[in-house]
Amino acid sequence: MAEVGMSPEEFESAYRAGLDLIRSGEYFAAHEELENVWRAAGADERDFFQGLVHVAVAWYQAGRGRRIGTERQLEKAIRRLEPFGPEHRGVDVSRLTAQLSDLRARDSLDLPPPDLRWSTRLRDS
């Protein structure tokens, strides 16, 4: 699907940058980058990118000690991402949503880093 407002190269670069920012713990910056991707995405993928925005915001909220905000963002991320499993755009969505569900059930603000490893099937794409 063609992305709106960005070239395919810009879109892919922003997407990868957003994931890298999450992986490095820069959750607010990741949210900003991925929000641009989400807004530029085609309708068939918007929920996937919005789910990743919710992941970044959940960790940001946890870092600020906001339990309710964290719980809500985890719930939204799960709901948006699950339809894209088992993998999408190189992300192992099934592994990520399993982690999000586990963290939601744990009811803790001490979150380990999001499990955003590249899917082994698409790692080099």
PDB file of N, CA and C in Angstrom:
ATOM      1  N   MET A   1       0.852  -1.182   0.000  1.00  0.00           N
ATOM      2  CA  MET A   1       0.000   0.000   0.000  1.00  0.00           C
ATOM      3  C   MET A   1       0.896   1.243   0.000  1.00  0.00           C
ATOM      4  N   ALA A   2       0.598   2.177  -0.826  1.00  0.00           N
ATOM      5  CA  ALA A   2       1.382   3.412  -0.890  1.00  0.00           C
ATOM      6  C   ALA A   2       1.116   4.254   0.360  1.00  0.00           C
ATOM      7  N   GLU A   3       2.151   4.829   0.894  1.00  0.00           N
ATOM      8  CA  GLU A   3       2.036   5.654   2.077  1.00  0.00           C
ATOM      9  C   GLU A   3       1.700   7.082   1.656  1.00  0.00           C
ATOM     10  N   VAL A   4       0.901   7.761   2.443  1.00  0.00           N
ATOM     11  CA  VAL A   4       0.458   9.111   2.150  1.00  0.00           C
ATOM     12  C   VAL A   4       1.418  10.103   2.783  1.00  0.00           C
ATOM     13  N   GLY A   5       1.918  11.060   1.998  1.00  0.00           N
ATOM     14  CA  GLY A   5       2.739  12.136   2.539  1.00  0.00           C
ATOM     15  C   GLY A   5       4.207  11.816   2.725  1.00  0.00           C
ATOM     16  N   MET A   6       4.633  10.614   2.457  1.00  0.00           N
ATOM     17  CA  MET A   6       6.042  10.218   2.562  1.00  0.00           C
ATOM     18  C   MET A   6       6.360   9.317   1.384  1.00  0.00           C
ATOM     19  N   SER A   7       7.593   9.401   0.931  1.00  0.00           N
ATOM     20  CA  SER A   7       8.023   8.433  -0.071  1.00  0.00           C
ATOM     21  C   SER A   7       8.143   7.077   0.618  1.00  0.00           C
ATOM     22  N   PRO A   8       8.102   5.988  -0.141  1.00  0.00           N
ATOM     23  CA  PRO A   8       8.285   4.669   0.484  1.00  0.00           C
ATOM     24  C   PRO A   8       9.598   4.568   1.266  1.00  0.00           C
ATOM     25  N   GLU A   9      10.643   5.197   0.773  1.00  0.00           N
ATOM     26  CA  GLU A   9      11.936   5.162   1.474  1.00  0.00           C
ATOM     27  C   GLU A   9      11.875   5.931   2.791  1.00  0.00           C
ATOM     28  N   GLU A  10      11.245   7.110   2.769  1.00  0.00           N
ATOM     29  CA  GLU A  10      11.094   7.906   3.993  1.00  0.00           C
ATOM     30  C   GLU A  10      10.234   7.157   5.017  1.00  0.00           C
ATOM     31  N   PHE A  11       9.180   6.539   4.525  1.00  0.00           N
ATOM     32  CA  PHE A  11       8.281   5.793   5.389  1.00  0.00           C
ATOM     33  C   PHE A  11       9.025   4.650   6.086  1.00  0.00           C
ATOM     34  N   GLU A  12       9.748   3.845   5.314  1.00  0.00           N
ATOM     35  CA  GLU A  12      10.490   2.707   5.876  1.00  0.00           C
ATOM     36  C   GLU A  12      11.567   3.174   6.845  1.00  0.00           C
ATOM     37  N   SER A  13      12.244   4.268   6.494  1.00  0.00           N
ATOM     38  CA  SER A  13      13.285   4.810   7.371  1.00  0.00           C
ATOM     39  C   SER A  13      12.693   5.297   8.694  1.00  0.00           C
ATOM     40  N   ALA A  14      11.557   5.982   8.634  1.00  0.00           N
ATOM     41  CA  ALA A  14      10.912   6.468   9.851  1.00  0.00           C
ATOM     42  C   ALA A  14      10.409   5.310  10.701  1.00  0.00           C
ATOM     43  N   TYR A  15       9.875   4.289  10.053  1.00  0.00           N
ATOM     44  CA  TYR A  15       9.403   3.096  10.767  1.00  0.00           C
ATOM     45  C   TYR A  15      10.552   2.428  11.515  1.00  0.00           C
ATOM     46  N   ARG A  16      11.645   2.191  10.822  1.00  0.00           N
ATOM     47  CA  ARG A  16      12.801   1.544  11.459  1.00  0.00           C
ATOM     48  C   ARG A  16      13.394   2.432  12.558  1.00  0.00           C
ATOM     49  N   ALA A  17      13.422   3.738  12.321  1.00  0.00           N
ATOM     50  CA  ALA A  17      13.922   4.664  13.343  1.00  0.00           C
ATOM     51  C   ALA A  17      13.047   4.602  14.592  1.00  0.00           C
ATOM     52  N   GLY A  18      11.721   4.539  14.413  1.00  0.00           N
ATOM     53  CA  GLY A  18      10.817   4.441  15.559  1.00  0.00           C
ATOM     54  C   GLY A  18      11.064   3.190  16.370  1.00  0.00           C
ATOM     55  N   LEU A  19      11.246   2.059  15.684  1.00  0.00           N
ATOM     56  CA  LEU A  19      11.543   0.806  16.401  1.00  0.00           C
ATOM     57  C   LEU A  19      12.879   0.903  17.125  1.00  0.00           C
ATOM     58  N   ASP A  20      13.876   1.471  16.463  1.00  0.00           N
ATOM     59  CA  ASP A  20      15.192   1.620  17.102  1.00  0.00           C
ATOM     60  C   ASP A  20      15.113   2.510  18.339  1.00  0.00           C
ATOM     61  N   LEU A  21      14.295   3.554  18.276  1.00  0.00           N
ATOM     62  CA  LEU A  21      14.124   4.432  19.441  1.00  0.00           C
ATOM     63  C   LEU A  21      13.463   3.686  20.595  1.00  0.00           C
ATOM     64  N   ILE A  22      12.469   2.850  20.298  1.00  0.00           N
ATOM     65  CA  ILE A  22      11.875   2.039  21.370  1.00  0.00           C
ATOM     66  C   ILE A  22      12.937   1.124  21.961  1.00  0.00           C
ATOM     67  N   ARG A  23      13.679   0.447  21.102  1.00  0.00           N
ATOM     68  CA  ARG A  23      14.707  -0.488  21.576  1.00  0.00           C
ATOM     69  C   ARG A  23      15.760   0.204  22.441  1.00  0.00           C
ATOM     70  N   SER A  24      16.034   1.464  22.164  1.00  0.00           N
ATOM     71  CA  SER A  24      17.052   2.180  22.947  1.00  0.00           C
ATOM     72  C   SER A  24      16.456   2.891  24.165  1.00  0.00           C
ATOM     73  N   GLY A  25      15.146   2.712  24.390  1.00  0.00           N
ATOM     74  CA  GLY A  25      14.531   3.291  25.583  1.00  0.00           C
ATOM     75  C   GLY A  25      14.126   4.743  25.445  1.00  0.00           C
ATOM     76  N   GLU A  26      14.128   5.264  24.236  1.00  0.00           N
ATOM     77  CA  GLU A  26      13.732   6.657  23.998  1.00  0.00           C
ATOM     78  C   GLU A  26      12.260   6.670  23.590  1.00  0.00           C
ATOM     79  N   TYR A  27      11.399   6.437  24.570  1.00  0.00           N
ATOM     80  CA  TYR A  27       9.999   6.178  24.299  1.00  0.00           C
ATOM     81  C   TYR A  27       9.228   7.388  23.790  1.00  0.00           C
ATOM     82  N   PHE A  28       9.515   8.566  24.316  1.00  0.00           N
ATOM     83  CA  PHE A  28       8.802   9.746  23.834  1.00  0.00           C
ATOM     84  C   PHE A  28       9.184  10.022  22.378  1.00  0.00           C
ATOM     85  N   ALA A  29      10.459   9.970  22.064  1.00  0.00           N
ATOM     86  CA  ALA A  29      10.912  10.196  20.685  1.00  0.00           C
ATOM     87  C   ALA A  29      10.358   9.121  19.756  1.00  0.00           C
ATOM     88  N   ALA A  30      10.285   7.887  20.237  1.00  0.00           N
ATOM     89  CA  ALA A  30       9.724   6.794  19.439  1.00  0.00           C
ATOM     90  C   ALA A  30       8.263   7.062  19.126  1.00  0.00           C
ATOM     91  N   HIS A  31       7.547   7.523  20.137  1.00  0.00           N
ATOM     92  CA  HIS A  31       6.129   7.863  19.952  1.00  0.00           C
ATOM     93  C   HIS A  31       5.973   8.910  18.852  1.00  0.00           C
ATOM     94  N   GLU A  32       6.804   9.942  18.886  1.00  0.00           N
ATOM     95  CA  GLU A  32       6.722  11.008  17.882  1.00  0.00           C
ATOM     96  C   GLU A  32       7.010  10.467  16.481  1.00  0.00           C
ATOM     97  N   GLU A  33       8.060   9.675  16.349  1.00  0.00           N
ATOM     98  CA  GLU A  33       8.449   9.129  15.041  1.00  0.00           C
ATOM     99  C   GLU A  33       7.373   8.189  14.500  1.00  0.00           C
ATOM    100  N   LEU A  34       6.886   7.296  15.355  1.00  0.00           N
ATOM    101  CA  LEU A  34       5.896   6.323  14.909  1.00  0.00           C
ATOM    102  C   LEU A  34       4.522   6.949  14.671  1.00  0.00           C
ATOM    103  N   GLU A  35       4.240   8.036  15.343  1.00  0.00           N
ATOM    104  CA  GLU A  35       2.985   8.735  15.077  1.00  0.00           C
ATOM    105  C   GLU A  35       2.987   9.295  13.659  1.00  0.00           C
ATOM    106  N   ASN A  36       4.123   9.795  13.202  1.00  0.00           N
ATOM    107  CA  ASN A  36       4.232  10.267  11.823  1.00  0.00           C
ATOM    108  C   ASN A  36       4.017   9.122  10.837  1.00  0.00           C
ATOM    109  N   VAL A  37       4.567   7.963  11.152  1.00  0.00           N
ATOM    110  CA  VAL A  37       4.397   6.783  10.298  1.00  0.00           C
ATOM    111  C   VAL A  37       2.930   6.370  10.278  1.00  0.00           C
ATOM    112  N   TRP A  38       2.323   6.302  11.445  1.00  0.00           N
ATOM    113  CA  TRP A  38       0.915   5.920  11.557  1.00  0.00           C
ATOM    114  C   TRP A  38       0.035   6.838  10.708  1.00  0.00           C
ATOM    115  N   ARG A  39       0.273   8.124  10.796  1.00  0.00           N
ATOM    116  CA  ARG A  39      -0.548   9.078  10.040  1.00  0.00           C
ATOM    117  C   ARG A  39      -0.335   8.959   8.534  1.00  0.00           C
ATOM    118  N   ALA A  40       0.846   8.550   8.123  1.00  0.00           N
ATOM    119  CA  ALA A  40       1.156   8.419   6.697  1.00  0.00           C
ATOM    120  C   ALA A  40       0.776   7.049   6.131  1.00  0.00           C
ATOM    121  N   ALA A  41       0.469   6.109   6.994  1.00  0.00           N
ATOM    122  CA  ALA A  41       0.209   4.729   6.562  1.00  0.00           C
ATOM    123  C   ALA A  41      -1.114   4.606   5.837  1.00  0.00           C
ATOM    124  N   GLY A  42      -1.175   3.596   4.984  1.00  0.00           N
ATOM    125  CA  GLY A  42      -2.438   3.251   4.346  1.00  0.00           C
ATOM    126  C   GLY A  42      -3.403   2.709   5.384  1.00  0.00           C
ATOM    127  N   ALA A  43      -4.692   2.785   5.078  1.00  0.00           N
ATOM    128  CA  ALA A  43      -5.733   2.382   6.028  1.00  0.00           C
ATOM    129  C   ALA A  43      -5.570   0.943   6.505  1.00  0.00           C
ATOM    130  N   ASP A  44      -5.050   0.060   5.644  1.00  0.00           N
ATOM    131  CA  ASP A  44      -4.924  -1.353   6.005  1.00  0.00           C
ATOM    132  C   ASP A  44      -3.837  -1.619   7.035  1.00  0.00           C
ATOM    133  N   GLU A  45      -2.958  -0.643   7.294  1.00  0.00           N
ATOM    134  CA  GLU A  45      -1.879  -0.844   8.270  1.00  0.00           C
ATOM    135  C   GLU A  45      -1.900   0.159   9.424  1.00  0.00           C
ATOM    136  N   ARG A  46      -2.806   1.067   9.432  1.00  0.00           N
ATOM    137  CA  ARG A  46      -2.802   2.095  10.482  1.00  0.00           C
ATOM    138  C   ARG A  46      -2.864   1.509  11.877  1.00  0.00           C
ATOM    139  N   ASP A  47      -3.672   0.478  12.070  1.00  0.00           N
ATOM    140  CA  ASP A  47      -3.777  -0.114  13.406  1.00  0.00           C
ATOM    141  C   ASP A  47      -2.444  -0.691  13.869  1.00  0.00           C
ATOM    142  N   PHE A  48      -1.681  -1.278  12.955  1.00  0.00           N
ATOM    143  CA  PHE A  48      -0.367  -1.823  13.326  1.00  0.00           C
ATOM    144  C   PHE A  48       0.533  -0.711  13.864  1.00  0.00           C
ATOM    145  N   PHE A  49       0.637   0.371  13.122  1.00  0.00           N
ATOM    146  CA  PHE A  49       1.516   1.457  13.548  1.00  0.00           C
ATOM    147  C   PHE A  49       0.981   2.163  14.794  1.00  0.00           C
ATOM    148  N   GLN A  50      -0.330   2.293  14.892  1.00  0.00           N
ATOM    149  CA  GLN A  50      -0.897   2.884  16.097  1.00  0.00           C
ATOM    150  C   GLN A  50      -0.620   1.985  17.303  1.00  0.00           C
ATOM    151  N   GLY A  51      -0.653   0.671  17.099  1.00  0.00           N
ATOM    152  CA  GLY A  51      -0.301  -0.254  18.171  1.00  0.00           C
ATOM    153  C   GLY A  51       1.118  -0.037  18.666  1.00  0.00           C
ATOM    154  N   LEU A  52       2.035   0.203  17.738  1.00  0.00           N
ATOM    155  CA  LEU A  52       3.421   0.473  18.140  1.00  0.00           C
ATOM    156  C   LEU A  52       3.536   1.798  18.878  1.00  0.00           C
ATOM    157  N   VAL A  53       2.741   2.780  18.489  1.00  0.00           N
ATOM    158  CA  VAL A  53       2.695   4.050  19.236  1.00  0.00           C
ATOM    159  C   VAL A  53       2.244   3.767  20.664  1.00  0.00           C
ATOM    160  N   HIS A  54       1.223   2.936  20.835  1.00  0.00           N
ATOM    161  CA  HIS A  54       0.741   2.600  22.178  1.00  0.00           C
ATOM    162  C   HIS A  54       1.818   1.880  22.994  1.00  0.00           C
ATOM    163  N   VAL A  55       2.624   1.049  22.351  1.00  0.00           N
ATOM    164  CA  VAL A  55       3.740   0.391  23.050  1.00  0.00           C
ATOM    165  C   VAL A  55       4.680   1.457  23.609  1.00  0.00           C
ATOM    166  N   ALA A  56       5.093   2.382  22.755  1.00  0.00           N
ATOM    167  CA  ALA A  56       6.017   3.430  23.200  1.00  0.00           C
ATOM    168  C   ALA A  56       5.416   4.252  24.334  1.00  0.00           C
ATOM    169  N   VAL A  57       4.149   4.595  24.215  1.00  0.00           N
ATOM    170  CA  VAL A  57       3.502   5.422  25.246  1.00  0.00           C
ATOM    171  C   VAL A  57       3.335   4.641  26.548  1.00  0.00           C
ATOM    172  N   ALA A  58       3.072   3.338  26.458  1.00  0.00           N
ATOM    173  CA  ALA A  58       2.959   2.529  27.687  1.00  0.00           C
ATOM    174  C   ALA A  58       4.253   2.594  28.491  1.00  0.00           C
ATOM    175  N   TRP A  59       5.380   2.425  27.820  1.00  0.00           N
ATOM    176  CA  TRP A  59       6.662   2.460  28.525  1.00  0.00           C
ATOM    177  C   TRP A  59       6.969   3.867  29.021  1.00  0.00           C
ATOM    178  N   TYR A  60       6.599   4.862  28.266  1.00  0.00           N
ATOM    179  CA  TYR A  60       6.776   6.248  28.706  1.00  0.00           C
ATOM    180  C   TYR A  60       5.951   6.504  29.966  1.00  0.00           C
ATOM    181  N   GLN A  61       4.696   6.066  29.962  1.00  0.00           N
ATOM    182  CA  GLN A  61       3.829   6.244  31.133  1.00  0.00           C
ATOM    183  C   GLN A  61       4.378   5.488  32.344  1.00  0.00           C
ATOM    184  N   ALA A  62       4.862   4.278  32.124  1.00  0.00           N
ATOM    185  CA  ALA A  62       5.431   3.500  33.230  1.00  0.00           C
ATOM    186  C   ALA A  62       6.627   4.238  33.838  1.00  0.00           C
ATOM    187  N   GLY A  63       7.449   4.812  32.986  1.00  0.00           N
ATOM    188  CA  GLY A  63       8.613   5.555  33.473  1.00  0.00           C
ATOM    189  C   GLY A  63       8.246   6.786  34.278  1.00  0.00           C
ATOM    190  N   ARG A  64       7.056   7.287  34.067  1.00  0.00           N
ATOM    191  CA  ARG A  64       6.577   8.455  34.813  1.00  0.00           C
ATOM    192  C   ARG A  64       5.728   8.049  36.017  1.00  0.00           C
ATOM    193  N   GLY A  65       5.618   6.723  36.245  1.00  0.00           N
ATOM    194  CA  GLY A  65       4.878   6.240  37.412  1.00  0.00           C
ATOM    195  C   GLY A  65       3.372   6.279  37.267  1.00  0.00           C
ATOM    196  N   ARG A  66       2.884   6.264  36.056  1.00  0.00           N
ATOM    197  CA  ARG A  66       1.445   6.370  35.802  1.00  0.00           C
ATOM    198  C   ARG A  66       0.846   5.004  35.481  1.00  0.00           C
ATOM    199  N   ARG A  67       0.378   4.343  36.522  1.00  0.00           N
ATOM    200  CA  ARG A  67      -0.149   2.976  36.401  1.00  0.00           C
ATOM    201  C   ARG A  67      -1.359   2.879  35.468  1.00  0.00           C
ATOM    202  N   ILE A  68      -2.360   3.723  35.657  1.00  0.00           N
ATOM    203  CA  ILE A  68      -3.574   3.639  34.836  1.00  0.00           C
ATOM    204  C   ILE A  68      -3.249   3.914  33.373  1.00  0.00           C
ATOM    205  N   GLY A  69      -2.440   4.929  33.116  1.00  0.00           N
ATOM    206  CA  GLY A  69      -2.034   5.229  31.746  1.00  0.00           C
ATOM    207  C   GLY A  69      -1.286   4.071  31.114  1.00  0.00           C
ATOM    208  N   THR A  70      -0.414   3.441  31.890  1.00  0.00           N
ATOM    209  CA  THR A  70       0.346   2.292  31.392  1.00  0.00           C
ATOM    210  C   THR A  70      -0.600   1.149  31.047  1.00  0.00           C
ATOM    211  N   GLU A  71      -1.497   0.826  31.948  1.00  0.00           N
ATOM    212  CA  GLU A  71      -2.435  -0.279  31.718  1.00  0.00           C
ATOM    213  C   GLU A  71      -3.287  -0.028  30.474  1.00  0.00           C
ATOM    214  N   ARG A  72      -3.782   1.177  30.333  1.00  0.00           N
ATOM    215  CA  ARG A  72      -4.628   1.501  29.178  1.00  0.00           C
ATOM    216  C   ARG A  72      -3.849   1.403  27.865  1.00  0.00           C
ATOM    217  N   GLN A  73      -2.616   1.872  27.889  1.00  0.00           N
ATOM    218  CA  GLN A  73      -1.808   1.819  26.665  1.00  0.00           C
ATOM    219  C   GLN A  73      -1.447   0.383  26.299  1.00  0.00           C
ATOM    220  N   LEU A  74      -1.156  -0.440  27.300  1.00  0.00           N
ATOM    221  CA  LEU A  74      -0.874  -1.853  27.016  1.00  0.00           C
ATOM    222  C   LEU A  74      -2.101  -2.518  26.392  1.00  0.00           C
ATOM    223  N   GLU A  75      -3.270  -2.232  26.959  1.00  0.00           N
ATOM    224  CA  GLU A  75      -4.508  -2.805  26.437  1.00  0.00           C
ATOM    225  C   GLU A  75      -4.752  -2.371  24.987  1.00  0.00           C
ATOM    226  N   LYS A  76      -4.568  -1.090  24.716  1.00  0.00           N
ATOM    227  CA  LYS A  76      -4.762  -0.583  23.352  1.00  0.00           C
ATOM    228  C   LYS A  76      -3.756  -1.191  22.387  1.00  0.00           C
ATOM    229  N   ALA A  77      -2.514  -1.325  22.827  1.00  0.00           N
ATOM    230  CA  ALA A  77      -1.481  -1.913  21.966  1.00  0.00           C
ATOM    231  C   ALA A  77      -1.844  -3.343  21.593  1.00  0.00           C
ATOM    232  N   ILE A  78      -2.270  -4.115  22.570  1.00  0.00           N
ATOM    233  CA  ILE A  78      -2.656  -5.509  22.314  1.00  0.00           C
ATOM    234  C   ILE A  78      -3.796  -5.556  21.293  1.00  0.00           C
ATOM    235  N   ARG A  79      -4.812  -4.759  21.527  1.00  0.00           N
ATOM    236  CA  ARG A  79      -5.982  -4.755  20.648  1.00  0.00           C
ATOM    237  C   ARG A  79      -5.607  -4.372  19.206  1.00  0.00           C
ATOM    238  N   ARG A  80      -4.735  -3.410  19.049  1.00  0.00           N
ATOM    239  CA  ARG A  80      -4.348  -2.954  17.703  1.00  0.00           C
ATOM    240  C   ARG A  80      -3.403  -3.934  17.011  1.00  0.00           C
ATOM    241  N   LEU A  81      -2.501  -4.546  17.766  1.00  0.00           N
ATOM    242  CA  LEU A  81      -1.455  -5.368  17.163  1.00  0.00           C
ATOM    243  C   LEU A  81      -1.871  -6.812  16.888  1.00  0.00           C
ATOM    244  N   GLU A  82      -2.706  -7.391  17.745  1.00  0.00           N
ATOM    245  CA  GLU A  82      -3.027  -8.818  17.611  1.00  0.00           C
ATOM    246  C   GLU A  82      -3.471  -9.244  16.209  1.00  0.00           C
ATOM    247  N   PRO A  83      -4.291  -8.468  15.521  1.00  0.00           N
ATOM    248  CA  PRO A  83      -4.714  -8.913  14.180  1.00  0.00           C
ATOM    249  C   PRO A  83      -3.564  -9.043  13.170  1.00  0.00           C
ATOM    250  N   PHE A  84      -2.412  -8.491  13.486  1.00  0.00           N
ATOM    251  CA  PHE A  84      -1.280  -8.519  12.557  1.00  0.00           C
ATOM    252  C   PHE A  84      -0.320  -9.679  12.825  1.00  0.00           C
ATOM    253  N   GLY A  85      -0.622 -10.519  13.841  1.00  0.00           N
ATOM    254  CA  GLY A  85       0.225 -11.665  14.141  1.00  0.00           C
ATOM    255  C   GLY A  85       0.099 -12.723  13.059  1.00  0.00           C
ATOM    256  N   PRO A  86       1.020 -13.617  12.975  1.00  0.00           N
ATOM    257  CA  PRO A  86       2.134 -13.794  13.912  1.00  0.00           C
ATOM    258  C   PRO A  86       3.292 -12.825  13.686  1.00  0.00           C
ATOM    259  N   GLU A  87       3.418 -12.293  12.462  1.00  0.00           N
ATOM    260  CA  GLU A  87       4.441 -11.281  12.249  1.00  0.00           C
ATOM    261  C   GLU A  87       3.951 -10.292  11.205  1.00  0.00           C
ATOM    262  N   HIS A  88       4.507  -9.077  11.283  1.00  0.00           N
ATOM    263  CA  HIS A  88       4.144  -8.046  10.315  1.00  0.00           C
ATOM    264  C   HIS A  88       5.299  -7.078  10.197  1.00  0.00           C
ATOM    265  N   ARG A  89       5.648  -6.756   8.984  1.00  0.00           N
ATOM    266  CA  ARG A  89       6.740  -5.815   8.700  1.00  0.00           C
ATOM    267  C   ARG A  89       8.005  -6.149   9.488  1.00  0.00           C
ATOM    268  N   GLY A  90       8.256  -7.428   9.621  1.00  0.00           N
ATOM    269  CA  GLY A  90       9.482  -7.877  10.270  1.00  0.00           C
ATOM    270  C   GLY A  90       9.417  -8.001  11.782  1.00  0.00           C
ATOM    271  N   VAL A  91       8.328  -7.568  12.401  1.00  0.00           N
ATOM    272  CA  VAL A  91       8.186  -7.650  13.856  1.00  0.00           C
ATOM    273  C   VAL A  91       7.465  -8.938  14.221  1.00  0.00           C
ATOM    274  N   ASP A  92       7.991  -9.637  15.214  1.00  0.00           N
ATOM    275  CA  ASP A  92       7.328 -10.832  15.727  1.00  0.00           C
ATOM    276  C   ASP A  92       6.180 -10.370  16.616  1.00  0.00           C
ATOM    277  N   VAL A  93       5.038 -10.132  16.006  1.00  0.00           N
ATOM    278  CA  VAL A  93       3.878  -9.567  16.694  1.00  0.00           C
ATOM    279  C   VAL A  93       3.347 -10.515  17.766  1.00  0.00           C
ATOM    280  N   SER A  94       3.353 -11.808  17.488  1.00  0.00           N
ATOM    281  CA  SER A  94       2.858 -12.768  18.479  1.00  0.00           C
ATOM    282  C   SER A  94       3.686 -12.718  19.756  1.00  0.00           C
ATOM    283  N   ARG A  95       4.985 -12.652  19.624  1.00  0.00           N
ATOM    284  CA  ARG A  95       5.858 -12.564  20.806  1.00  0.00           C
ATOM    285  C   ARG A  95       5.618 -11.262  21.556  1.00  0.00           C
ATOM    286  N   LEU A  96       5.502 -10.161  20.813  1.00  0.00           N
ATOM    287  CA  LEU A  96       5.278  -8.862  21.443  1.00  0.00           C
ATOM    288  C   LEU A  96       3.946  -8.818  22.178  1.00  0.00           C
ATOM    289  N   THR A  97       2.871  -9.267  21.539  1.00  0.00           N
ATOM    290  CA  THR A  97       1.567  -9.203  22.212  1.00  0.00           C
ATOM    291  C   THR A  97       1.501 -10.152  23.408  1.00  0.00           C
ATOM    292  N   ALA A  98       2.215 -11.273  23.349  1.00  0.00           N
ATOM    293  CA  ALA A  98       2.281 -12.163  24.520  1.00  0.00           C
ATOM    294  C   ALA A  98       2.961 -11.438  25.678  1.00  0.00           C
ATOM    295  N   GLN A  99       4.034 -10.719  25.379  1.00  0.00           N
ATOM    296  CA  GLN A  99       4.717  -9.955  26.421  1.00  0.00           C
ATOM    297  C   GLN A  99       3.790  -8.877  26.989  1.00  0.00           C
ATOM    298  N   LEU A 100       3.103  -8.162  26.123  1.00  0.00           N
ATOM    299  CA  LEU A 100       2.213  -7.098  26.582  1.00  0.00           C
ATOM    300  C   LEU A 100       1.108  -7.650  27.481  1.00  0.00           C
ATOM    301  N   SER A 101       0.545  -8.785  27.105  1.00  0.00           N
ATOM    302  CA  SER A 101      -0.503  -9.416  27.918  1.00  0.00           C
ATOM    303  C   SER A 101       0.041  -9.837  29.275  1.00  0.00           C
ATOM    304  N   ASP A 102       1.238 -10.402  29.286  1.00  0.00           N
ATOM    305  CA  ASP A 102       1.864 -10.820  30.542  1.00  0.00           C
ATOM    306  C   ASP A 102       2.109  -9.612  31.449  1.00  0.00           C
ATOM    307  N   LEU A 103       2.603  -8.538  30.879  1.00  0.00           N
ATOM    308  CA  LEU A 103       2.892  -7.339  31.678  1.00  0.00           C
ATOM    309  C   LEU A 103       1.602  -6.722  32.218  1.00  0.00           C
ATOM    310  N   ARG A 104       0.577  -6.739  31.429  1.00  0.00           N
ATOM    311  CA  ARG A 104      -0.713  -6.213  31.878  1.00  0.00           C
ATOM    312  C   ARG A 104      -1.244  -7.012  33.064  1.00  0.00           C
ATOM    313  N   ALA A 105      -1.091  -8.325  33.005  1.00  0.00           N
ATOM    314  CA  ALA A 105      -1.553  -9.195  34.089  1.00  0.00           C
ATOM    315  C   ALA A 105      -0.703  -9.014  35.345  1.00  0.00           C
ATOM    316  N   ARG A 106       0.565  -8.660  35.179  1.00  0.00           N
ATOM    317  CA  ARG A 106       1.470  -8.490  36.317  1.00  0.00           C
ATOM    318  C   ARG A 106       1.172  -7.261  37.150  1.00  0.00           C
ATOM    319  N   ASP A 107       0.569  -6.252  36.514  1.00  0.00           N
ATOM    320  CA  ASP A 107       0.185  -5.036  37.234  1.00  0.00           C
ATOM    321  C   ASP A 107       1.380  -4.377  37.918  1.00  0.00           C
ATOM    322  N   SER A 108       2.439  -4.149  37.141  1.00  0.00           N
ATOM    323  CA  SER A 108       3.646  -3.525  37.672  1.00  0.00           C
ATOM    324  C   SER A 108       4.099  -2.423  36.731  1.00  0.00           C
ATOM    325  N   LEU A 109       4.744  -1.420  37.294  1.00  0.00           N
ATOM    326  CA  LEU A 109       5.332  -0.362  36.474  1.00  0.00           C
ATOM    327  C   LEU A 109       6.796  -0.641  36.148  1.00  0.00           C
ATOM    328  N   ASP A 110       7.332  -1.724  36.667  1.00  0.00           N
ATOM    329  CA  ASP A 110       8.713  -2.120  36.402  1.00  0.00           C
ATOM    330  C   ASP A 110       8.721  -2.999  35.145  1.00  0.00           C
ATOM    331  N   LEU A 111       8.715  -2.359  33.988  1.00  0.00           N
ATOM    332  CA  LEU A 111       8.598  -3.082  32.727  1.00  0.00           C
ATOM    333  C   LEU A 111       9.975  -3.379  32.127  1.00  0.00           C
ATOM    334  N   PRO A 112      10.197  -4.623  31.729  1.00  0.00           N
ATOM    335  CA  PRO A 112      11.420  -4.913  30.976  1.00  0.00           C
ATOM    336  C   PRO A 112      11.279  -4.276  29.596  1.00  0.00           C
ATOM    337  N   PRO A 113      12.354  -4.147  28.854  1.00  0.00           N
ATOM    338  CA  PRO A 113      12.240  -3.544  27.517  1.00  0.00           C
ATOM    339  C   PRO A 113      11.232  -4.295  26.645  1.00  0.00           C
ATOM    340  N   PRO A 114      10.540  -3.569  25.773  1.00  0.00           N
ATOM    341  CA  PRO A 114       9.601  -4.235  24.860  1.00  0.00           C
ATOM    342  C   PRO A 114      10.326  -5.261  23.991  1.00  0.00           C
ATOM    343  N   ASP A 115       9.684  -6.384  23.762  1.00  0.00           N
ATOM    344  CA  ASP A 115      10.265  -7.459  22.957  1.00  0.00           C
ATOM    345  C   ASP A 115       9.984  -7.170  21.482  1.00  0.00           C
ATOM    346  N   LEU A 116      10.836  -6.358  20.891  1.00  0.00           N
ATOM    347  CA  LEU A 116      10.668  -5.937  19.504  1.00  0.00           C
ATOM    348  C   LEU A 116      11.765  -6.504  18.615  1.00  0.00           C
ATOM    349  N   ARG A 117      12.074  -7.765  18.832  1.00  0.00           N
ATOM    350  CA  ARG A 117      13.051  -8.399  17.954  1.00  0.00           C
ATOM    351  C   ARG A 117      12.453  -8.562  16.572  1.00  0.00           C
ATOM    352  N   TRP A 118      13.308  -8.488  15.568  1.00  0.00           N
ATOM    353  CA  TRP A 118      12.860  -8.741  14.200  1.00  0.00           C
ATOM    354  C   TRP A 118      12.473 -10.195  14.084  1.00  0.00           C
ATOM    355  N   SER A 119      11.427 -10.452  13.343  1.00  0.00           N
ATOM    356  CA  SER A 119      11.022 -11.804  13.031  1.00  0.00           C
ATOM    357  C   SER A 119      12.149 -12.467  12.250  1.00  0.00           C
ATOM    358  N   THR A 120      12.440 -13.717  12.555  1.00  0.00           N
ATOM    359  CA  THR A 120      13.523 -14.393  11.832  1.00  0.00           C
ATOM    360  C   THR A 120      13.191 -14.550  10.368  1.00  0.00           C
ATOM    361  N   ARG A 121      11.916 -14.546  10.025  1.00  0.00           N
ATOM    362  CA  ARG A 121      11.526 -14.704   8.616  1.00  0.00           C
ATOM    363  C   ARG A 121      11.829 -13.478   7.793  1.00  0.00           C
ATOM    364  N   LEU A 122      11.833 -12.288   8.411  1.00  0.00           N
ATOM    365  CA  LEU A 122      11.997 -11.056   7.629  1.00  0.00           C
ATOM    366  C   LEU A 122      13.155 -10.186   8.118  1.00  0.00           C
ATOM    367  N   ARG A 123      14.026 -10.737   8.893  1.00  0.00           N
ATOM    368  CA  ARG A 123      15.100  -9.954   9.491  1.00  0.00           C
ATOM    369  C   ARG A 123      15.897  -9.171   8.457  1.00  0.00           C
ATOM    370  N   ASP A 124      16.161  -9.753   7.322  1.00  0.00           N
ATOM    371  CA  ASP A 124      17.023  -9.109   6.337  1.00  0.00           C
ATOM    372  C   ASP A 124      16.259  -8.395   5.230  1.00  0.00           C
ATOM    373  N   SER A 125      14.969  -8.233   5.395  1.00  0.00           N
ATOM    374  CA  SER A 125      14.197  -7.580   4.325  1.00  0.00           C
ATOM    375  C   SER A 125      14.279  -6.071   4.425  1.00  0.00           C
TER     376      SER A 125
END
